[in-house]
């Protein structure tokens, strides 16, 4: 997403992002199940947060049709 938002490239980016999020959900099993100093769990939580924030930002960009510049 940038200053200029065209509908078609944003739709393509959203579909790619959804594919990445789906792959993350299906392939991100944890090997370490401890709750003490579990860096693998922390990284998974952080990546999940980044993906959800990216999905929200992408949806917002698609729904914003007016210019504020």
PDB file of N, CA and C in Angstrom:
ATOM      1  N   UNK A   1       0.847  -1.169   0.000  1.00  0.00           N
ATOM      2  CA  UNK A   1       0.000   0.000   0.000  1.00  0.00           C
ATOM      3  C   UNK A   1       0.889   1.227   0.000  1.00  0.00           C
ATOM      4  N   UNK A   2       0.464   2.175  -0.747  1.00  0.00           N
ATOM      5  CA  UNK A   2       1.229   3.399  -0.819  1.00  0.00           C
ATOM      6  C   UNK A   2       0.301   4.592  -0.927  1.00  0.00           C
ATOM      7  N   UNK A   3       0.842   5.663  -1.448  1.00  0.00           N
ATOM      8  CA  UNK A   3       0.062   6.883  -1.582  1.00  0.00           C
ATOM      9  C   UNK A   3      -1.039   6.698  -2.624  1.00  0.00           C
ATOM     10  N   UNK A   4      -0.699   6.073  -3.741  1.00  0.00           N
ATOM     11  CA  UNK A   4      -1.667   5.838  -4.802  1.00  0.00           C
ATOM     12  C   UNK A   4      -2.235   4.434  -4.634  1.00  0.00           C
ATOM     13  N   UNK A   5      -3.551   4.361  -4.506  1.00  0.00           N
ATOM     14  CA  UNK A   5      -4.201   3.070  -4.277  1.00  0.00           C
ATOM     15  C   UNK A   5      -5.111   2.755  -5.453  1.00  0.00           C
ATOM     16  N   UNK A   6      -4.739   1.745  -6.204  1.00  0.00           N
ATOM     17  CA  UNK A   6      -5.576   1.268  -7.296  1.00  0.00           C
ATOM     18  C   UNK A   6      -6.260  -0.017  -6.852  1.00  0.00           C
ATOM     19  N   UNK A   7      -7.510  -0.154  -7.234  1.00  0.00           N
ATOM     20  CA  UNK A   7      -8.324  -1.263  -6.743  1.00  0.00           C
ATOM     21  C   UNK A   7      -7.759  -2.634  -7.149  1.00  0.00           C
ATOM     22  N   UNK A   8      -7.405  -2.790  -8.403  1.00  0.00           N
ATOM     23  CA  UNK A   8      -6.947  -4.101  -8.883  1.00  0.00           C
ATOM     24  C   UNK A   8      -5.680  -4.586  -8.172  1.00  0.00           C
ATOM     25  N   UNK A   9      -4.612  -3.788  -8.066  1.00  0.00           N
ATOM     26  CA  UNK A   9      -3.421  -4.261  -7.347  1.00  0.00           C
ATOM     27  C   UNK A   9      -3.699  -4.547  -5.866  1.00  0.00           C
ATOM     28  N   UNK A  10      -4.589  -3.766  -5.255  1.00  0.00           N
ATOM     29  CA  UNK A  10      -4.929  -4.022  -3.854  1.00  0.00           C
ATOM     30  C   UNK A  10      -5.673  -5.343  -3.701  1.00  0.00           C
ATOM     31  N   UNK A  11      -6.555  -5.649  -4.638  1.00  0.00           N
ATOM     32  CA  UNK A  11      -7.266  -6.935  -4.588  1.00  0.00           C
ATOM     33  C   UNK A  11      -6.292  -8.094  -4.761  1.00  0.00           C
ATOM     34  N   UNK A  12      -5.329  -7.943  -5.652  1.00  0.00           N
ATOM     35  CA  UNK A  12      -4.319  -8.985  -5.844  1.00  0.00           C
ATOM     36  C   UNK A  12      -3.477  -9.163  -4.578  1.00  0.00           C
ATOM     37  N   UNK A  13      -3.097  -8.055  -3.984  1.00  0.00           N
ATOM     38  CA  UNK A  13      -2.300  -8.118  -2.756  1.00  0.00           C
ATOM     39  C   UNK A  13      -3.102  -8.756  -1.623  1.00  0.00           C
ATOM     40  N   UNK A  14      -4.394  -8.447  -1.562  1.00  0.00           N
ATOM     41  CA  UNK A  14      -5.229  -9.024  -0.510  1.00  0.00           C
ATOM     42  C   UNK A  14      -5.349 -10.535  -0.682  1.00  0.00           C
ATOM     43  N   UNK A  15      -5.504 -10.998  -1.909  1.00  0.00           N
ATOM     44  CA  UNK A  15      -5.604 -12.444  -2.119  1.00  0.00           C
ATOM     45  C   UNK A  15      -4.286 -13.141  -1.774  1.00  0.00           C
ATOM     46  N   UNK A  16      -3.158 -12.516  -2.082  1.00  0.00           N
ATOM     47  CA  UNK A  16      -1.860 -13.083  -1.704  1.00  0.00           C
ATOM     48  C   UNK A  16      -1.708 -13.119  -0.183  1.00  0.00           C
ATOM     49  N   UNK A  17      -2.146 -12.056   0.466  1.00  0.00           N
ATOM     50  CA  UNK A  17      -2.063 -11.985   1.924  1.00  0.00           C
ATOM     51  C   UNK A  17      -2.938 -13.054   2.570  1.00  0.00           C
ATOM     52  N   UNK A  18      -4.124 -13.270   2.039  1.00  0.00           N
ATOM     53  CA  UNK A  18      -5.008 -14.311   2.564  1.00  0.00           C
ATOM     54  C   UNK A  18      -4.399 -15.696   2.366  1.00  0.00           C
ATOM     55  N   UNK A  19      -3.716 -15.904   1.233  1.00  0.00           N
ATOM     56  CA  UNK A  19      -3.049 -17.180   0.989  1.00  0.00           C
ATOM     57  C   UNK A  19      -1.920 -17.400   1.996  1.00  0.00           C
ATOM     58  N   UNK A  20      -1.168 -16.355   2.270  1.00  0.00           N
ATOM     59  CA  UNK A  20      -0.079 -16.453   3.253  1.00  0.00           C
ATOM     60  C   UNK A  20      -0.644 -16.735   4.637  1.00  0.00           C
ATOM     61  N   UNK A  21      -1.722 -16.051   4.999  1.00  0.00           N
ATOM     62  CA  UNK A  21      -2.345 -16.270   6.307  1.00  0.00           C
ATOM     63  C   UNK A  21      -2.892 -17.684   6.423  1.00  0.00           C
ATOM     64  N   UNK A  22      -3.482 -18.202   5.353  1.00  0.00           N
ATOM     65  CA  UNK A  22      -3.971 -19.578   5.366  1.00  0.00           C
ATOM     66  C   UNK A  22      -2.853 -20.585   5.506  1.00  0.00           C
ATOM     67  N   UNK A  23      -1.756 -20.329   4.821  1.00  0.00           N
ATOM     68  CA  UNK A  23      -0.590 -21.211   4.919  1.00  0.00           C
ATOM     69  C   UNK A  23      -0.015 -21.162   6.333  1.00  0.00           C
ATOM     70  N   UNK A  24       0.016 -19.979   6.919  1.00  0.00           N
ATOM     71  CA  UNK A  24       0.521 -19.831   8.282  1.00  0.00           C
ATOM     72  C   UNK A  24      -0.325 -20.646   9.260  1.00  0.00           C
ATOM     73  N   UNK A  25      -1.644 -20.565   9.104  1.00  0.00           N
ATOM     74  CA  UNK A  25      -2.536 -21.286  10.014  1.00  0.00           C
ATOM     75  C   UNK A  25      -2.373 -22.798   9.886  1.00  0.00           C
ATOM     76  N   UNK A  26      -2.149 -23.275   8.668  1.00  0.00           N
ATOM     77  CA  UNK A  26      -2.085 -24.723   8.468  1.00  0.00           C
ATOM     78  C   UNK A  26      -0.709 -25.315   8.767  1.00  0.00           C
ATOM     79  N   UNK A  27       0.346 -24.513   8.677  1.00  0.00           N
ATOM     80  CA  UNK A  27       1.699 -25.055   8.805  1.00  0.00           C
ATOM     81  C   UNK A  27       2.466 -24.597  10.036  1.00  0.00           C
ATOM     82  N   UNK A  28       1.852 -23.874  10.924  1.00  0.00           N
ATOM     83  CA  UNK A  28       2.630 -23.283  12.008  1.00  0.00           C
ATOM     84  C   UNK A  28       2.429 -24.021  13.334  1.00  0.00           C
ATOM     85  N   UNK A  29       2.676 -25.297  13.318  1.00  0.00           N
ATOM     86  CA  UNK A  29       2.602 -26.052  14.559  1.00  0.00           C
ATOM     87  C   UNK A  29       3.836 -25.791  15.418  1.00  0.00           C
ATOM     88  N   UNK A  30       3.662 -25.823  16.702  1.00  0.00           N
ATOM     89  CA  UNK A  30       4.782 -25.593  17.618  1.00  0.00           C
ATOM     90  C   UNK A  30       5.423 -26.922  17.999  1.00  0.00           C
ATOM     91  N   UNK A  31       6.745 -26.925  18.012  1.00  0.00           N
ATOM     92  CA  UNK A  31       7.465 -28.104  18.491  1.00  0.00           C
ATOM     93  C   UNK A  31       7.700 -28.011  19.993  1.00  0.00           C
ATOM     94  N   UNK A  32       7.875 -26.794  20.470  1.00  0.00           N
ATOM     95  CA  UNK A  32       8.140 -26.568  21.894  1.00  0.00           C
ATOM     96  C   UNK A  32       6.840 -26.125  22.557  1.00  0.00           C
ATOM     97  N   UNK A  33       6.341 -26.906  23.493  1.00  0.00           N
ATOM     98  CA  UNK A  33       5.062 -26.597  24.130  1.00  0.00           C
ATOM     99  C   UNK A  33       5.218 -26.076  25.563  1.00  0.00           C
ATOM    100  N   UNK A  34       6.447 -25.781  25.956  1.00  0.00           N
ATOM    101  CA  UNK A  34       6.644 -25.245  27.298  1.00  0.00           C
ATOM    102  C   UNK A  34       6.184 -23.790  27.352  1.00  0.00           C
ATOM    103  N   UNK A  35       5.861 -23.328  28.531  1.00  0.00           N
ATOM    104  CA  UNK A  35       5.418 -21.945  28.710  1.00  0.00           C
ATOM    105  C   UNK A  35       6.503 -21.066  29.308  1.00  0.00           C
ATOM    106  N   UNK A  36       7.669 -21.635  29.572  1.00  0.00           N
ATOM    107  CA  UNK A  36       8.760 -20.888  30.175  1.00  0.00           C
ATOM    108  C   UNK A  36       9.851 -20.642  29.139  1.00  0.00           C
ATOM    109  N   UNK A  37      10.136 -19.397  28.843  1.00  0.00           N
ATOM    110  CA  UNK A  37      11.162 -18.989  27.880  1.00  0.00           C
ATOM    111  C   UNK A  37      10.954 -19.652  26.520  1.00  0.00           C
ATOM    112  N   UNK A  38       9.731 -19.697  26.072  1.00  0.00           N
ATOM    113  CA  UNK A  38       9.416 -20.319  24.794  1.00  0.00           C
ATOM    114  C   UNK A  38       9.473 -19.264  23.689  1.00  0.00           C
ATOM    115  N   UNK A  39      10.643 -19.118  23.077  1.00  0.00           N
ATOM    116  CA  UNK A  39      10.807 -18.110  22.030  1.00  0.00           C
ATOM    117  C   UNK A  39      10.046 -18.487  20.769  1.00  0.00           C
ATOM    118  N   UNK A  40       9.856 -19.770  20.529  1.00  0.00           N
ATOM    119  CA  UNK A  40       9.088 -20.201  19.365  1.00  0.00           C
ATOM    120  C   UNK A  40       7.628 -19.742  19.478  1.00  0.00           C
ATOM    121  N   UNK A  41       7.065 -19.868  20.667  1.00  0.00           N
ATOM    122  CA  UNK A  41       5.701 -19.412  20.904  1.00  0.00           C
ATOM    123  C   UNK A  41       5.611 -17.894  20.753  1.00  0.00           C
ATOM    124  N   UNK A  42       6.583 -17.183  21.274  1.00  0.00           N
ATOM    125  CA  UNK A  42       6.603 -15.728  21.157  1.00  0.00           C
ATOM    126  C   UNK A  42       6.668 -15.288  19.697  1.00  0.00           C
ATOM    127  N   UNK A  43       7.511 -15.929  18.914  1.00  0.00           N
ATOM    128  CA  UNK A  43       7.624 -15.581  17.497  1.00  0.00           C
ATOM    129  C   UNK A  43       6.338 -15.885  16.746  1.00  0.00           C
ATOM    130  N   UNK A  44       5.677 -16.966  17.106  1.00  0.00           N
ATOM    131  CA  UNK A  44       4.407 -17.302  16.458  1.00  0.00           C
ATOM    132  C   UNK A  44       3.340 -16.261  16.784  1.00  0.00           C
ATOM    133  N   UNK A  45       3.277 -15.839  18.036  1.00  0.00           N
ATOM    134  CA  UNK A  45       2.313 -14.818  18.435  1.00  0.00           C
ATOM    135  C   UNK A  45       2.591 -13.502  17.714  1.00  0.00           C
ATOM    136  N   UNK A  46       3.866 -13.127  17.614  1.00  0.00           N
ATOM    137  CA  UNK A  46       4.223 -11.880  16.935  1.00  0.00           C
ATOM    138  C   UNK A  46       3.883 -11.939  15.452  1.00  0.00           C
ATOM    139  N   UNK A  47       4.169 -13.073  14.804  1.00  0.00           N
ATOM    140  CA  UNK A  47       3.861 -13.201  13.386  1.00  0.00           C
ATOM    141  C   UNK A  47       2.349 -13.203  13.152  1.00  0.00           C
ATOM    142  N   UNK A  48       1.617 -13.857  14.029  1.00  0.00           N
ATOM    143  CA  UNK A  48       0.161 -13.862  13.924  1.00  0.00           C
ATOM    144  C   UNK A  48      -0.392 -12.438  14.051  1.00  0.00           C
ATOM    145  N   UNK A  49       0.178 -11.656  14.963  1.00  0.00           N
ATOM    146  CA  UNK A  49      -0.230 -10.270  15.135  1.00  0.00           C
ATOM    147  C   UNK A  49       0.091  -9.447  13.888  1.00  0.00           C
ATOM    148  N   UNK A  50       1.280  -9.630  13.327  1.00  0.00           N
ATOM    149  CA  UNK A  50       1.652  -8.890  12.122  1.00  0.00           C
ATOM    150  C   UNK A  50       0.721  -9.222  10.961  1.00  0.00           C
ATOM    151  N   UNK A  51       0.375 -10.496  10.813  1.00  0.00           N
ATOM    152  CA  UNK A  51      -0.542 -10.891   9.747  1.00  0.00           C
ATOM    153  C   UNK A  51      -1.932 -10.288   9.937  1.00  0.00           C
ATOM    154  N   UNK A  52      -2.413 -10.283  11.170  1.00  0.00           N
ATOM    155  CA  UNK A  52      -3.741  -9.706  11.401  1.00  0.00           C
ATOM    156  C   UNK A  52      -3.730  -8.199  11.167  1.00  0.00           C
ATOM    157  N   UNK A  53      -2.653  -7.518  11.548  1.00  0.00           N
ATOM    158  CA  UNK A  53      -2.547  -6.082  11.294  1.00  0.00           C
ATOM    159  C   UNK A  53      -2.470  -5.789   9.798  1.00  0.00           C
ATOM    160  N   UNK A  54      -1.756  -6.625   9.064  1.00  0.00           N
ATOM    161  CA  UNK A  54      -1.661  -6.452   7.610  1.00  0.00           C
ATOM    162  C   UNK A  54      -3.019  -6.655   6.956  1.00  0.00           C
ATOM    163  N   UNK A  55      -3.788  -7.632   7.439  1.00  0.00           N
ATOM    164  CA  UNK A  55      -5.118  -7.873   6.883  1.00  0.00           C
ATOM    165  C   UNK A  55      -6.047  -6.680   7.144  1.00  0.00           C
ATOM    166  N   UNK A  56      -5.973  -6.107   8.328  1.00  0.00           N
ATOM    167  CA  UNK A  56      -6.799  -4.944   8.662  1.00  0.00           C
ATOM    168  C   UNK A  56      -6.394  -3.741   7.807  1.00  0.00           C
ATOM    169  N   UNK A  57      -5.101  -3.512   7.657  1.00  0.00           N
ATOM    170  CA  UNK A  57      -4.626  -2.386   6.851  1.00  0.00           C
ATOM    171  C   UNK A  57      -5.038  -2.553   5.392  1.00  0.00           C
ATOM    172  N   UNK A  58      -4.983  -3.783   4.887  1.00  0.00           N
ATOM    173  CA  UNK A  58      -5.363  -4.040   3.504  1.00  0.00           C
ATOM    174  C   UNK A  58      -6.861  -3.814   3.305  1.00  0.00           C
ATOM    175  N   UNK A  59      -7.668  -4.287   4.227  1.00  0.00           N
ATOM    176  CA  UNK A  59      -9.115  -4.079   4.131  1.00  0.00           C
ATOM    177  C   UNK A  59      -9.453  -2.593   4.210  1.00  0.00           C
ATOM    178  N   UNK A  60      -8.761  -1.867   5.062  1.00  0.00           N
ATOM    179  CA  UNK A  60      -8.992  -0.421   5.176  1.00  0.00           C
ATOM    180  C   UNK A  60      -8.630   0.294   3.883  1.00  0.00           C
ATOM    181  N   UNK A  61      -7.528  -0.094   3.288  1.00  0.00           N
ATOM    182  CA  UNK A  61      -7.104   0.536   2.034  1.00  0.00           C
ATOM    183  C   UNK A  61      -8.096   0.256   0.919  1.00  0.00           C
ATOM    184  N   UNK A  62      -8.658  -0.940   0.897  1.00  0.00           N
ATOM    185  CA  UNK A  62      -9.640  -1.267  -0.135  1.00  0.00           C
ATOM    186  C   UNK A  62     -10.944  -0.491   0.052  1.00  0.00           C
ATOM    187  N   UNK A  63     -11.316  -0.234   1.282  1.00  0.00           N
ATOM    188  CA  UNK A  63     -12.585   0.453   1.536  1.00  0.00           C
ATOM    189  C   UNK A  63     -12.470   1.969   1.483  1.00  0.00           C
ATOM    190  N   UNK A  64     -11.264   2.485   1.516  1.00  0.00           N
ATOM    191  CA  UNK A  64     -11.095   3.942   1.445  1.00  0.00           C
ATOM    192  C   UNK A  64     -10.973   4.342  -0.024  1.00  0.00           C
ATOM    193  N   UNK A  65     -11.997   4.987  -0.529  1.00  0.00           N
ATOM    194  CA  UNK A  65     -11.985   5.372  -1.935  1.00  0.00           C
ATOM    195  C   UNK A  65     -11.708   6.864  -2.129  1.00  0.00           C
ATOM    196  N   UNK A  66     -11.878   7.662  -1.099  1.00  0.00           N
ATOM    197  CA  UNK A  66     -11.642   9.086  -1.241  1.00  0.00           C
ATOM    198  C   UNK A  66     -10.155   9.394  -1.063  1.00  0.00           C
ATOM    199  N   UNK A  67      -9.772  10.545  -1.511  1.00  0.00           N
ATOM    200  CA  UNK A  67      -8.388  10.996  -1.380  1.00  0.00           C
ATOM    201  C   UNK A  67      -8.294  11.984  -0.238  1.00  0.00           C
ATOM    202  N   UNK A  68      -7.256  11.871   0.558  1.00  0.00           N
ATOM    203  CA  UNK A  68      -7.057  12.823   1.648  1.00  0.00           C
ATOM    204  C   UNK A  68      -5.794  13.641   1.436  1.00  0.00           C
ATOM    205  N   UNK A  69      -5.254  13.609   0.263  1.00  0.00           N
ATOM    206  CA  UNK A  69      -4.020  14.326  -0.014  1.00  0.00           C
ATOM    207  C   UNK A  69      -4.288  15.644  -0.540  1.00  0.00           C
TER     208      UNK A  69
END
